[in-house]
Amino acid sequence: MKNVGSSNLGEIYMTWGLAFVVPLLTINLLWIETNRMAEISFLLNLIILFLSWGIMRKKPKSLHLIVCIVVASVIDIMLLIWNFCFRSYSENHHYHFDIFRGVFNNFHSPIYGNVYTPFLLKQDWTSFSPLWWPVIVLSFIFLAFISTQIAYLKEKRFFVWGIVFLFLFIIVFTNRSGISGFVENRSHYAEFSYAAHFFHGAGDLLKNYVKLMPQLGIQSPHYPPGNVLLVMLAQWNIFLPKTVIVLSCILTPLTIRFLMKQWHSGPLEYNMAALLFSIAAPVLIFPKMATEPLTMFLVSLAIALYQFMLNGKRQFKAPVLTGIVVAMACFFSFFMIFICFFLFVYTVLSIYKNRDYSQSVYKKILMSIITFVFFYWLVYLLTGFNMMMCFKEALLHRSRIQGYEAYDNWERYLFRSTGNFIAFVFLLGSPLVMLGLLNVKNKENQQTYFFAIALIITILVTSFCGTFFLETERLWMIFIPAIIALAATELARYYSQISNKNYQMIIILFFISMLHSVVCVLLIDHSLGFFL
C-alpha cells in the first residue's frame, strides 16, 4: 500500500470512525429494551454521526463513498425511529393482533428474528463450533489482504480464491453449532419436510400438489412445489438439500460475473463483486433455514440471460434459455412476478433511449414468453401439474391464514410498507445498498444507469404494494445479485478515479460489510427455533 500524505490522514481517521457508526447502530438497536434506551441510543448515534461528518474536509477525495456511509447511517437511524414509533403505536392502541406475525412482539421490529445473546449474557461460548472463531479472525485478515491486492490479482486466480473464501464462509456461518446446523430441519426446511410426507415421489407430488395444498401446513401453500421437491432429496442423502443450497450460493458469483460482462465490465469489477457477495449477511445466514438462495441463483441467471438477450447475442438460443430459466425460478417462488416487472421497466427504459433495436427486442421477448408457456404446458401434459391453479390456490391460502387486508388501516399500511424496505436494507447492509443505488448518478453507462433506476422502482413498488408483511430479509434475497453487481461497478469506478490509488475506503467498505454480517449472525436468530 502506498504511503498516504499527512493531508489525507484526518480524512482517513474520521472516515474509519464514521465507519464504526453502522455496526454500533446495529448493536445498540439489539440492546434496546425500554423506550428510554431507544432515546439514548438514538441521540448518541446522531451525535457521533454529525460530529464525524462535521470534522470532515469540505471536499474530500472519497466524498461520494463517505456520503454513502452517512446515508447508510441515517437509514439505520430510521430503523431506530421506526421501532420506537411502532412500539408506541402498539401501546397506545392496545394493539396485540398478529398483523406483523408473532415474532414482532419484541423490541426489535421490523427485524425478522429474535435477538440471540445467550453467549454474551451467560458466557455460553460452547454454542458455537470450535472452529467458528478462528475462521472469523482469519477471514478478517484475508479480507484486508485481498482488499489491498484486488486490482492486481488476475481474474482466474482471484476467482478461485473468491470461491474458496465464499465456500468457507457459508459453511462456517451455516454451521454455527457444528454439523447439526447442516442436517437439522429448521424453519422453512421443517415446513417443507412436513409437506413432503404427503407425497410418494416426484410424480405424486406434481400430480396432487395443488389438490393437497390446503393440508400442507402454513408455509408450503405459499410456494410452488419446487421447494418440497428439493427437501425430498433428503430421502437419498440427508446432506443433499442443503448441499444444493450452498452450491447455489457458490455459483451465484458466476451469474453476477455473466451479467457484468454484458455491461463490458472488467476483472476489477468481477473481483469486487465476488468479495461483496461473499460477505453479505443474508447469503451467510439463510442457507441453513430457507431455500431462497436457490431461487436467488436462478433469478440472477435469468437476469443475466435477459441482458445477454437484449444485447443482440444468439437470436434464438438466448430467448429460449431465458424463458426456461424464468420458468424454473417460478417453480420455486412466485416472487418472479416482481422480477418480471423489474425486467419490464428496464426494457421500457432501454427502448425509450435506443429505439433502433425495439422491433428485435419485441421478437425476443415474445419468444421467451412462448418458451415459458410451452414449458409449463409440457409439464402439465406430462405430470398434471397446473401452475395457474397453484398460483390461485396460493393467493387463497394467503388470504385465509392472514385474516386481514393489506390496506386495513393507513397507519399499519405505512408501518408495513416502510418496514419492508428498512428491514431488507438493514440486514443486507445499508452501505452496500446505497453504493449500488449510486449508479443513478452515473449516466456514462446507460445499461447500469437504467438497471439501477428499474431496480429502485421495483423495490419501492414491492415495498408499498401491500403484498409483503415484512420478513423481507429472506424473501427479497433475489434482489441481492443485482445490487451487488451495481455496487461493484460503482466501487470500481471510484477506484479508477482516485489518483493515488488509496485503498483505505475500499478496505473500510469491505470491513463495514463483513463486521455488520458478523454482528447479525451473532446477535439475531432468524430461525425462530422451529424444528420438525
Protein backbone atom coordinates (compact mmCIF):
# COMPACT_ATOMS: atom_id res chain seq x y z
CA MET A 1 0.00 0.00 0.00
CA LYS A 2 1.31 3.43 -0.87
CA ASN A 3 2.04 5.92 1.83
CA VAL A 4 -0.72 8.39 2.44
CA GLY A 5 0.13 12.04 2.83
CA SER A 6 -0.46 13.80 6.11
CA SER A 7 -3.07 15.97 4.40
CA ASN A 8 -5.25 12.92 4.00
CA LEU A 9 -4.76 11.48 7.49
CA GLY A 10 -7.62 13.47 9.04
CA GLU A 11 -9.98 12.29 6.35
CA ILE A 12 -8.87 8.66 6.76
CA TYR A 13 -9.11 8.63 10.56
CA MET A 14 -12.51 10.27 10.61
CA THR A 15 -13.77 8.00 7.84
CA TRP A 16 -12.74 4.98 9.88
CA GLY A 17 -14.51 6.48 12.89
CA LEU A 18 -17.59 7.09 10.78
CA ALA A 19 -17.39 3.50 9.53
CA PHE A 20 -17.99 2.20 13.04
CA VAL A 21 -21.31 4.06 13.28
CA VAL A 22 -23.13 1.41 11.22
CA PRO A 23 -22.22 -1.66 13.33
CA LEU A 24 -22.64 0.39 16.51
CA LEU A 25 -26.16 1.28 15.44
CA THR A 26 -26.81 -2.41 14.84
CA ILE A 27 -25.60 -3.43 18.28
CA ASN A 28 -27.40 -0.58 20.05
CA LEU A 29 -30.65 -1.44 18.34
CA LEU A 30 -30.45 -5.03 19.53
CA TRP A 31 -29.92 -3.97 23.15
CA ILE A 32 -32.98 -1.73 23.27
CA GLU A 33 -35.36 -2.97 25.97
CA THR A 34 -37.19 0.21 27.02
CA ASN A 35 -38.26 3.49 25.45
CA ARG A 36 -35.57 5.31 27.45
CA MET A 37 -32.88 3.07 25.96
CA ALA A 38 -34.23 3.78 22.48
CA GLU A 39 -33.99 7.53 23.05
CA ILE A 40 -30.46 7.35 24.46
CA SER A 41 -29.28 5.10 21.62
CA PHE A 42 -30.79 7.40 19.01
CA LEU A 43 -29.25 10.56 20.46
CA LEU A 44 -25.77 9.07 20.93
CA ASN A 45 -25.57 7.78 17.39
CA LEU A 46 -26.94 11.01 15.98
CA ILE A 47 -24.22 12.96 17.82
CA ILE A 48 -21.49 10.60 16.58
CA LEU A 49 -22.79 10.84 13.03
CA PHE A 50 -22.84 14.63 12.84
CA LEU A 51 -19.53 15.08 14.68
CA SER A 52 -17.81 12.72 12.25
CA TRP A 53 -19.33 14.45 9.26
CA GLY A 54 -18.57 17.93 10.59
CA ILE A 55 -14.86 17.27 11.09
CA MET A 56 -14.51 16.00 7.53
CA ARG A 57 -12.87 18.22 4.98
CA LYS A 58 -15.28 20.10 2.75
CA LYS A 59 -14.44 18.19 -0.44
CA PRO A 60 -12.56 15.00 0.37
CA LYS A 61 -11.48 12.79 -2.49
CA SER A 62 -13.64 9.98 -1.16
CA LEU A 63 -16.69 12.24 -0.83
CA HIS A 64 -19.29 10.03 -2.53
CA LEU A 65 -18.28 6.97 -0.50
CA ILE A 66 -18.43 8.99 2.70
CA VAL A 67 -21.87 10.23 1.68
CA CYS A 68 -22.77 6.59 1.11
CA ILE A 69 -21.80 5.73 4.70
CA VAL A 70 -23.62 8.79 6.07
CA VAL A 71 -26.83 7.92 4.20
CA ALA A 72 -26.47 4.33 5.36
CA SER A 73 -26.17 5.51 8.95
CA VAL A 74 -29.25 7.68 8.50
CA ILE A 75 -31.18 4.61 7.29
CA ASP A 76 -30.11 2.69 10.38
CA ILE A 77 -31.28 5.62 12.49
CA MET A 78 -34.57 5.46 10.59
CA LEU A 79 -34.83 1.87 11.79
CA LEU A 80 -34.49 3.08 15.38
CA ILE A 81 -37.19 5.71 14.79
CA TRP A 82 -39.45 3.14 13.10
CA ASN A 83 -39.01 0.77 16.01
CA PHE A 84 -39.83 3.47 18.55
CA CYS A 85 -42.94 4.66 16.63
CA PHE A 86 -44.23 1.13 16.09
CA ARG A 87 -43.98 0.21 19.77
CA SER A 88 -45.62 3.50 20.76
CA TYR A 89 -48.46 2.82 18.32
CA SER A 90 -48.96 -0.70 19.69
CA GLU A 91 -49.02 0.53 23.29
CA ASN A 92 -51.33 3.49 22.66
CA HIS A 93 -53.84 1.46 20.65
CA HIS A 94 -53.61 -1.65 22.83
CA TYR A 95 -52.85 -3.40 19.61
CA HIS A 96 -51.80 -7.04 20.01
CA PHE A 97 -53.23 -8.61 16.86
CA ASP A 98 -50.70 -10.64 14.92
CA ILE A 99 -50.57 -8.37 11.89
CA PHE A 100 -46.77 -8.44 11.80
CA ARG A 101 -46.59 -12.13 12.76
CA GLY A 102 -45.86 -13.31 16.26
CA VAL A 103 -42.14 -12.67 16.09
CA PHE A 104 -42.76 -8.94 16.12
CA ASN A 105 -43.95 -8.96 19.70
CA ASN A 106 -40.49 -7.77 20.72
CA PHE A 107 -38.45 -4.56 20.92
CA HIS A 108 -36.61 -5.03 17.64
CA SER A 109 -39.11 -4.73 14.80
CA PRO A 110 -39.01 -4.69 11.83
CA ILE A 111 -36.13 -7.19 12.00
CA TYR A 112 -37.47 -10.70 11.46
CA GLY A 113 -36.00 -12.86 14.21
CA ASN A 114 -35.28 -12.94 17.89
CA VAL A 115 -32.24 -11.38 19.49
CA TYR A 116 -29.81 -14.18 20.29
CA THR A 117 -27.42 -13.23 23.10
CA PRO A 118 -27.08 -16.20 25.48
CA PHE A 119 -23.36 -16.47 24.79
CA LEU A 120 -22.94 -12.81 25.80
CA LEU A 121 -25.22 -12.86 28.85
CA LYS A 122 -24.26 -16.30 30.14
CA GLN A 123 -20.81 -16.58 28.56
CA ASP A 124 -22.05 -19.68 26.77
CA TRP A 125 -19.35 -19.83 24.12
CA THR A 126 -19.97 -23.56 23.65
CA SER A 127 -23.00 -22.77 21.48
CA PHE A 128 -20.55 -22.23 18.61
CA SER A 129 -18.39 -24.69 16.75
CA PRO A 130 -14.73 -24.59 18.00
CA LEU A 131 -13.55 -23.61 14.51
CA TRP A 132 -16.00 -20.73 14.22
CA TRP A 133 -13.98 -18.01 15.98
CA PRO A 134 -10.52 -18.66 14.45
CA VAL A 135 -12.05 -18.79 10.97
CA ILE A 136 -13.72 -15.41 11.56
CA VAL A 137 -10.42 -13.85 12.65
CA LEU A 138 -8.55 -15.34 9.70
CA SER A 139 -11.29 -14.16 7.38
CA PHE A 140 -10.85 -10.56 8.51
CA ILE A 141 -7.10 -10.83 7.88
CA PHE A 142 -7.71 -12.44 4.49
CA LEU A 143 -10.24 -9.76 3.59
CA ALA A 144 -7.81 -6.95 4.43
CA PHE A 145 -5.09 -8.57 2.30
CA ILE A 146 -7.38 -9.17 -0.68
CA SER A 147 -8.68 -5.58 -0.44
CA THR A 148 -5.18 -4.21 -0.98
CA GLN A 149 -4.36 -6.59 -3.82
CA ILE A 150 -7.72 -6.65 -5.58
CA ALA A 151 -6.61 -4.62 -8.61
CA TYR A 152 -3.50 -6.72 -9.26
CA LEU A 153 -4.92 -10.22 -8.99
CA LYS A 154 -5.60 -11.91 -12.28
CA GLU A 155 -9.26 -12.74 -12.77
CA LYS A 156 -8.99 -16.55 -12.84
CA ARG A 157 -6.59 -16.73 -9.92
CA PHE A 158 -8.72 -14.41 -7.83
CA PHE A 159 -11.90 -16.24 -8.71
CA VAL A 160 -10.51 -19.48 -7.27
CA TRP A 161 -9.64 -17.62 -4.07
CA GLY A 162 -13.05 -15.97 -4.00
CA ILE A 163 -14.90 -19.27 -4.38
CA VAL A 164 -12.86 -20.87 -1.57
CA PHE A 165 -13.45 -17.80 0.60
CA LEU A 166 -17.20 -17.89 -0.07
CA PHE A 167 -17.40 -21.66 0.49
CA LEU A 168 -15.65 -21.42 3.88
CA PHE A 169 -17.84 -18.52 4.94
CA ILE A 170 -21.08 -20.24 4.04
CA ILE A 171 -20.05 -23.47 5.72
CA VAL A 172 -18.95 -21.71 8.91
CA PHE A 173 -21.98 -19.46 9.18
CA THR A 174 -24.38 -22.21 8.16
CA ASN A 175 -22.94 -24.49 10.83
CA ARG A 176 -22.60 -22.12 13.76
CA SER A 177 -23.45 -25.02 16.06
CA GLY A 178 -21.37 -27.62 14.21
CA ILE A 179 -22.55 -30.29 11.81
CA SER A 180 -26.06 -30.33 13.29
CA GLY A 181 -26.85 -27.00 11.64
CA PHE A 182 -26.25 -28.57 8.25
CA VAL A 183 -28.65 -31.50 8.65
CA GLU A 184 -31.40 -30.40 11.03
CA ASN A 185 -34.75 -29.26 9.66
CA ARG A 186 -35.18 -25.70 10.88
CA SER A 187 -37.75 -23.08 9.92
CA HIS A 188 -38.79 -23.50 6.30
CA TYR A 189 -36.93 -26.77 5.88
CA ALA A 190 -39.14 -28.14 8.65
CA GLU A 191 -42.27 -26.81 6.94
CA PHE A 192 -41.33 -28.28 3.56
CA SER A 193 -40.32 -31.58 5.18
CA TYR A 194 -43.76 -31.78 6.78
CA ALA A 195 -45.38 -31.22 3.37
CA ALA A 196 -43.14 -33.87 1.77
CA HIS A 197 -44.72 -36.56 3.96
CA PHE A 198 -47.96 -36.25 1.98
CA PHE A 199 -46.37 -37.47 -1.25
CA HIS A 200 -44.74 -40.60 -2.61
CA GLY A 201 -42.11 -39.44 -5.05
CA ALA A 202 -41.79 -36.56 -7.52
CA GLY A 203 -44.57 -37.79 -9.81
CA ASP A 204 -47.11 -37.94 -6.99
CA LEU A 205 -46.00 -34.50 -5.79
CA LEU A 206 -46.57 -32.79 -9.13
CA LYS A 207 -49.83 -34.61 -9.79
CA ASN A 208 -51.51 -33.92 -6.43
CA TYR A 209 -49.74 -30.82 -5.08
CA VAL A 210 -52.47 -28.31 -5.99
CA LYS A 211 -55.23 -30.53 -4.60
CA LEU A 212 -53.44 -31.07 -1.26
CA MET A 213 -52.14 -27.50 -0.78
CA PRO A 214 -54.70 -26.62 1.97
CA GLN A 215 -53.37 -29.54 4.07
CA LEU A 216 -49.65 -28.82 3.73
CA GLY A 217 -49.20 -26.59 6.76
CA ILE A 218 -48.68 -22.83 6.85
CA GLN A 219 -45.64 -22.11 4.65
CA SER A 220 -45.73 -24.68 1.86
CA PRO A 221 -49.02 -23.47 0.29
CA HIS A 222 -47.36 -20.07 -0.21
CA TYR A 223 -44.96 -21.65 -2.68
CA PRO A 224 -44.90 -23.73 -5.87
CA PRO A 225 -43.83 -27.37 -5.40
CA GLY A 226 -40.13 -26.87 -6.16
CA ASN A 227 -39.12 -26.39 -2.53
CA VAL A 228 -40.89 -29.53 -1.35
CA LEU A 229 -39.26 -31.44 -4.21
CA LEU A 230 -35.85 -30.13 -3.09
CA VAL A 231 -36.38 -31.28 0.51
CA MET A 232 -37.43 -34.72 -0.74
CA LEU A 233 -33.84 -35.21 -1.89
CA ALA A 234 -33.05 -35.99 1.76
CA GLN A 235 -34.56 -39.42 1.13
CA TRP A 236 -31.38 -40.31 -0.75
CA ASN A 237 -28.91 -38.32 1.36
CA ILE A 238 -29.62 -36.18 4.42
CA PHE A 239 -26.98 -33.63 3.35
CA LEU A 240 -28.27 -33.27 -0.21
CA PRO A 241 -30.88 -30.46 0.12
CA LYS A 242 -28.59 -28.01 1.94
CA THR A 243 -25.67 -29.03 -0.27
CA VAL A 244 -27.72 -27.85 -3.26
CA ILE A 245 -28.46 -24.58 -1.45
CA VAL A 246 -24.81 -23.95 -0.55
CA LEU A 247 -23.69 -24.77 -4.09
CA SER A 248 -26.30 -22.29 -5.36
CA CYS A 249 -24.67 -19.58 -3.25
CA ILE A 250 -21.22 -20.51 -4.50
CA LEU A 251 -22.34 -20.45 -8.16
CA THR A 252 -24.21 -17.14 -7.90
CA PRO A 253 -21.00 -15.04 -8.33
CA LEU A 254 -20.66 -16.72 -11.75
CA THR A 255 -24.06 -15.38 -12.78
CA ILE A 256 -23.14 -11.93 -11.43
CA ARG A 257 -19.95 -12.07 -13.50
CA PHE A 258 -22.00 -13.06 -16.56
CA LEU A 259 -24.30 -10.07 -16.03
CA MET A 260 -21.43 -7.64 -15.54
CA LYS A 261 -19.73 -8.97 -18.65
CA GLN A 262 -22.76 -7.75 -20.63
CA TRP A 263 -22.06 -4.31 -19.16
CA HIS A 264 -18.49 -4.51 -20.53
CA SER A 265 -17.04 -4.66 -17.02
CA GLY A 266 -13.53 -5.91 -16.33
CA PRO A 267 -11.69 -8.10 -13.81
CA LEU A 268 -11.67 -5.34 -11.18
CA GLU A 269 -15.47 -5.23 -11.12
CA TYR A 270 -15.71 -9.03 -11.04
CA ASN A 271 -13.27 -9.25 -8.13
CA MET A 272 -15.12 -6.68 -6.07
CA ALA A 273 -18.49 -8.31 -6.80
CA ALA A 274 -17.22 -11.72 -5.65
CA LEU A 275 -15.97 -10.28 -2.34
CA LEU A 276 -19.06 -8.15 -1.67
CA PHE A 277 -21.33 -11.13 -2.31
CA SER A 278 -19.31 -13.48 -0.11
CA ILE A 279 -19.68 -11.26 2.97
CA ALA A 280 -23.35 -10.28 2.52
CA ALA A 281 -25.27 -11.20 5.69
CA PRO A 282 -28.33 -12.87 4.06
CA VAL A 283 -26.05 -15.11 1.98
CA LEU A 284 -24.35 -16.30 5.17
CA ILE A 285 -27.45 -16.61 7.34
CA PHE A 286 -30.25 -18.16 5.32
CA PRO A 287 -28.82 -21.31 3.67
CA LYS A 288 -29.31 -23.19 6.94
CA MET A 289 -33.02 -22.34 7.24
CA ALA A 290 -34.55 -21.42 3.85
CA THR A 291 -34.46 -22.36 0.17
CA GLU A 292 -34.39 -18.78 -1.16
CA PRO A 293 -30.65 -18.99 -2.06
CA LEU A 294 -31.54 -21.45 -4.84
CA THR A 295 -34.18 -19.07 -6.17
CA MET A 296 -31.63 -16.24 -5.91
CA PHE A 297 -29.24 -18.19 -8.16
CA LEU A 298 -31.94 -18.92 -10.75
CA VAL A 299 -33.17 -15.30 -10.76
CA SER A 300 -29.62 -13.98 -11.11
CA LEU A 301 -29.05 -16.31 -14.05
CA ALA A 302 -32.37 -15.25 -15.61
CA ILE A 303 -31.48 -11.53 -15.35
CA ALA A 304 -28.03 -12.15 -16.84
CA LEU A 305 -29.53 -14.14 -19.73
CA TYR A 306 -32.11 -11.41 -20.30
CA GLN A 307 -29.36 -8.79 -20.55
CA PHE A 308 -27.46 -11.13 -22.87
CA MET A 309 -30.61 -11.39 -24.99
CA LEU A 310 -31.12 -7.59 -25.12
CA ASN A 311 -27.54 -7.12 -26.29
CA GLY A 312 -28.40 -8.98 -29.50
CA LYS A 313 -26.50 -12.19 -28.87
CA ARG A 314 -27.81 -15.57 -30.02
CA GLN A 315 -31.10 -14.55 -31.62
CA PHE A 316 -32.73 -17.93 -30.90
CA LYS A 317 -30.82 -19.57 -28.06
CA ALA A 318 -30.80 -16.60 -25.65
CA PRO A 319 -34.60 -16.04 -25.62
CA VAL A 320 -35.28 -19.77 -25.25
CA LEU A 321 -32.78 -20.15 -22.42
CA THR A 322 -34.19 -17.05 -20.70
CA GLY A 323 -37.74 -18.45 -20.86
CA ILE A 324 -36.61 -21.82 -19.45
CA VAL A 325 -34.66 -20.30 -16.54
CA VAL A 326 -37.53 -17.94 -15.64
CA ALA A 327 -39.89 -20.94 -15.67
CA MET A 328 -37.52 -22.87 -13.37
CA ALA A 329 -37.34 -19.92 -10.98
CA CYS A 330 -41.15 -19.72 -10.92
CA PHE A 331 -41.19 -23.38 -9.92
CA PHE A 332 -39.61 -22.33 -6.59
CA SER A 333 -41.12 -18.91 -5.91
CA PHE A 334 -44.00 -16.73 -7.10
CA PHE A 335 -41.80 -13.72 -6.37
CA MET A 336 -40.74 -13.96 -10.03
CA ILE A 337 -43.75 -11.75 -10.77
CA PHE A 338 -41.83 -8.79 -9.33
CA ILE A 339 -38.66 -9.76 -11.21
CA CYS A 340 -40.69 -9.80 -14.43
CA PHE A 341 -41.94 -6.32 -13.51
CA PHE A 342 -38.31 -5.23 -13.00
CA LEU A 343 -37.32 -6.62 -16.41
CA PHE A 344 -40.32 -4.88 -17.97
CA VAL A 345 -39.36 -1.47 -16.51
CA TYR A 346 -35.73 -1.98 -17.50
CA THR A 347 -36.75 -2.87 -21.06
CA VAL A 348 -39.06 0.13 -21.41
CA LEU A 349 -36.31 2.50 -20.27
CA SER A 350 -33.78 0.89 -22.62
CA ILE A 351 -36.10 1.02 -25.64
CA TYR A 352 -37.03 4.62 -24.90
CA LYS A 353 -33.39 5.69 -25.30
CA ASN A 354 -32.45 3.24 -28.02
CA ARG A 355 -35.40 2.71 -30.33
CA ASP A 356 -33.29 1.26 -33.14
CA TYR A 357 -33.46 -2.26 -31.76
CA SER A 358 -37.00 -2.14 -30.39
CA GLN A 359 -38.50 -4.47 -33.01
CA SER A 360 -35.88 -7.17 -32.47
CA VAL A 361 -36.35 -6.86 -28.71
CA TYR A 362 -40.08 -7.41 -29.07
CA LYS A 363 -39.47 -10.61 -31.03
CA LYS A 364 -37.02 -11.93 -28.45
CA ILE A 365 -39.31 -11.16 -25.51
CA LEU A 366 -42.20 -12.83 -27.31
CA MET A 367 -40.05 -15.90 -27.93
CA SER A 368 -39.14 -16.04 -24.22
CA ILE A 369 -42.80 -15.79 -23.22
CA ILE A 370 -43.72 -18.57 -25.66
CA THR A 371 -40.94 -20.74 -24.22
CA PHE A 372 -42.18 -20.07 -20.69
CA VAL A 373 -45.77 -21.02 -21.59
CA PHE A 374 -44.63 -24.09 -23.52
CA PHE A 375 -42.53 -25.23 -20.55
CA TYR A 376 -45.49 -25.33 -18.17
CA TRP A 377 -47.84 -26.68 -20.85
CA LEU A 378 -45.42 -29.58 -21.30
CA VAL A 379 -45.17 -30.05 -17.51
CA TYR A 380 -48.97 -30.15 -17.34
CA LEU A 381 -49.19 -32.78 -20.10
CA LEU A 382 -46.52 -34.98 -18.52
CA THR A 383 -47.40 -34.66 -14.82
CA GLY A 384 -50.80 -32.96 -14.48
CA PHE A 385 -49.33 -30.01 -12.55
CA ASN A 386 -51.21 -26.76 -13.30
CA MET A 387 -49.14 -23.68 -12.42
CA MET A 388 -52.06 -21.25 -12.80
CA MET A 389 -54.21 -23.24 -10.38
CA CYS A 390 -51.27 -23.44 -7.98
CA PHE A 391 -50.86 -19.67 -8.04
CA LYS A 392 -54.60 -19.16 -7.49
CA GLU A 393 -54.59 -21.58 -4.54
CA ALA A 394 -51.56 -19.82 -3.05
CA LEU A 395 -53.42 -16.49 -3.11
CA LEU A 396 -56.46 -18.06 -1.44
CA HIS A 397 -54.26 -19.64 1.24
CA ARG A 398 -52.59 -16.31 1.94
CA SER A 399 -55.97 -14.66 2.49
CA ARG A 400 -57.16 -17.48 4.76
CA ILE A 401 -54.20 -17.52 7.15
CA GLN A 402 -53.83 -13.73 7.46
CA GLY A 403 -57.43 -12.86 8.20
CA TYR A 404 -56.84 -9.20 7.39
CA GLU A 405 -56.28 -6.99 4.38
CA ALA A 406 -53.14 -5.16 3.37
CA TYR A 407 -54.94 -1.78 3.39
CA ASP A 408 -56.93 -2.27 6.60
CA ASN A 409 -55.52 0.87 8.23
CA TRP A 410 -53.37 3.60 6.76
CA GLU A 411 -51.05 3.69 9.79
CA ARG A 412 -50.46 -0.06 9.74
CA TYR A 413 -50.07 0.02 5.96
CA LEU A 414 -47.32 2.64 6.27
CA PHE A 415 -45.62 0.67 9.05
CA ARG A 416 -45.61 -2.46 6.90
CA SER A 417 -44.55 -0.72 3.69
CA THR A 418 -41.68 1.30 5.15
CA GLY A 419 -40.67 -1.63 7.35
CA ASN A 420 -40.34 -3.84 4.27
CA PHE A 421 -37.64 -1.60 2.83
CA ILE A 422 -35.86 -0.78 6.10
CA ALA A 423 -35.60 -4.42 7.22
CA PHE A 424 -34.16 -5.55 3.87
CA VAL A 425 -31.64 -2.73 3.65
CA PHE A 426 -30.65 -3.22 7.30
CA LEU A 427 -29.72 -6.89 7.00
CA LEU A 428 -28.07 -6.68 3.59
CA GLY A 429 -26.06 -3.72 4.82
CA SER A 430 -27.16 -0.19 4.08
CA PRO A 431 -23.69 0.99 2.91
CA LEU A 432 -23.69 -1.74 0.27
CA VAL A 433 -27.23 -0.94 -0.89
CA MET A 434 -26.54 2.78 -1.06
CA LEU A 435 -23.35 2.15 -3.03
CA GLY A 436 -25.29 0.13 -5.58
CA LEU A 437 -28.03 2.72 -5.94
CA LEU A 438 -25.44 5.46 -6.52
CA ASN A 439 -25.36 4.23 -10.12
CA VAL A 440 -28.33 6.51 -10.79
CA LYS A 441 -25.76 9.32 -10.82
CA ASN A 442 -23.63 7.60 -13.47
CA LYS A 443 -25.11 8.21 -16.91
CA GLU A 444 -21.97 7.23 -18.79
CA ASN A 445 -23.03 3.57 -18.90
CA GLN A 446 -26.68 3.60 -19.89
CA GLN A 447 -27.18 -0.09 -19.10
CA THR A 448 -26.19 0.23 -15.43
CA TYR A 449 -27.98 3.59 -15.22
CA PHE A 450 -31.32 2.18 -16.41
CA PHE A 451 -30.72 -1.02 -14.46
CA ALA A 452 -30.35 0.97 -11.23
CA ILE A 453 -33.44 3.10 -11.94
CA ALA A 454 -35.53 0.00 -12.72
CA LEU A 455 -34.29 -1.70 -9.54
CA ILE A 456 -35.20 1.31 -7.36
CA ILE A 457 -38.68 1.48 -8.90
CA THR A 458 -39.18 -2.26 -8.39
CA ILE A 459 -38.07 -2.20 -4.75
CA LEU A 460 -40.35 0.75 -3.98
CA VAL A 461 -43.33 -0.87 -5.74
CA THR A 462 -42.62 -4.16 -3.95
CA SER A 463 -42.46 -2.37 -0.60
CA PHE A 464 -45.72 -0.44 -0.98
CA CYS A 465 -47.84 -2.87 -3.00
CA GLY A 466 -49.35 -4.43 0.14
CA THR A 467 -48.17 -7.95 -0.68
CA PHE A 468 -45.40 -8.24 1.93
CA PHE A 469 -45.76 -8.15 5.70
CA LEU A 470 -42.06 -7.72 6.42
CA GLU A 471 -39.67 -10.72 6.62
CA THR A 472 -38.11 -9.17 3.52
CA GLU A 473 -34.57 -10.03 4.67
CA ARG A 474 -35.22 -13.56 3.40
CA LEU A 475 -37.94 -13.05 0.79
CA TRP A 476 -36.06 -10.34 -1.10
CA MET A 477 -32.77 -12.24 -1.37
CA ILE A 478 -33.31 -12.42 -5.12
CA PHE A 479 -32.52 -8.67 -5.33
CA ILE A 480 -29.05 -9.22 -3.84
CA PRO A 481 -27.10 -10.21 -7.01
CA ALA A 482 -28.40 -7.15 -8.88
CA ILE A 483 -27.46 -4.84 -6.01
CA ILE A 484 -24.03 -6.48 -5.69
CA ALA A 485 -23.35 -6.02 -9.41
CA LEU A 486 -24.25 -2.33 -9.22
CA ALA A 487 -22.22 -1.80 -6.02
CA ALA A 488 -19.14 -3.45 -7.54
CA THR A 489 -19.48 -1.29 -10.65
CA GLU A 490 -19.68 1.90 -8.59
CA LEU A 491 -16.81 0.85 -6.32
CA ALA A 492 -14.57 0.04 -9.30
CA ARG A 493 -15.46 3.39 -10.87
CA TYR A 494 -14.43 5.15 -7.69
CA TYR A 495 -11.17 3.20 -7.54
CA SER A 496 -10.29 4.09 -11.13
CA GLN A 497 -10.85 7.81 -10.47
CA ILE A 498 -8.65 8.32 -7.41
CA SER A 499 -5.16 9.46 -8.30
CA ASN A 500 -3.08 7.86 -5.54
CA LYS A 501 -4.95 4.51 -5.54
CA ASN A 502 -5.64 4.84 -1.83
CA TYR A 503 -7.05 1.55 -0.56
CA GLN A 504 -8.43 2.98 2.67
CA MET A 505 -12.01 3.49 1.51
CA ILE A 506 -12.09 0.10 -0.24
CA ILE A 507 -10.98 -1.65 2.95
CA ILE A 508 -13.43 0.40 5.02
CA LEU A 509 -16.39 -0.64 2.89
CA PHE A 510 -15.45 -4.32 2.98
CA PHE A 511 -14.77 -4.03 6.70
CA ILE A 512 -18.19 -2.49 7.39
CA SER A 513 -19.98 -5.13 5.35
CA MET A 514 -18.18 -8.03 7.00
CA LEU A 515 -18.45 -6.66 10.55
CA HIS A 516 -22.14 -5.97 10.01
CA SER A 517 -22.65 -9.56 8.82
CA VAL A 518 -20.81 -10.99 11.82
CA VAL A 519 -22.90 -8.88 14.22
CA CYS A 520 -26.14 -10.01 12.56
CA VAL A 521 -25.13 -13.67 12.68
CA LEU A 522 -24.04 -13.43 16.31
CA LEU A 523 -26.95 -11.46 17.72
CA ILE A 524 -30.01 -12.33 15.62
CA ASP A 525 -31.57 -15.78 15.39
CA HIS A 526 -33.65 -15.82 12.21
CA SER A 527 -34.61 -19.48 12.54
CA LEU A 528 -37.10 -18.68 15.34
CA GLY A 529 -36.34 -22.08 16.88
CA PHE A 530 -38.73 -24.01 14.61
CA PHE A 531 -37.78 -27.68 14.37
CA LEU A 532 -39.53 -30.63 12.83
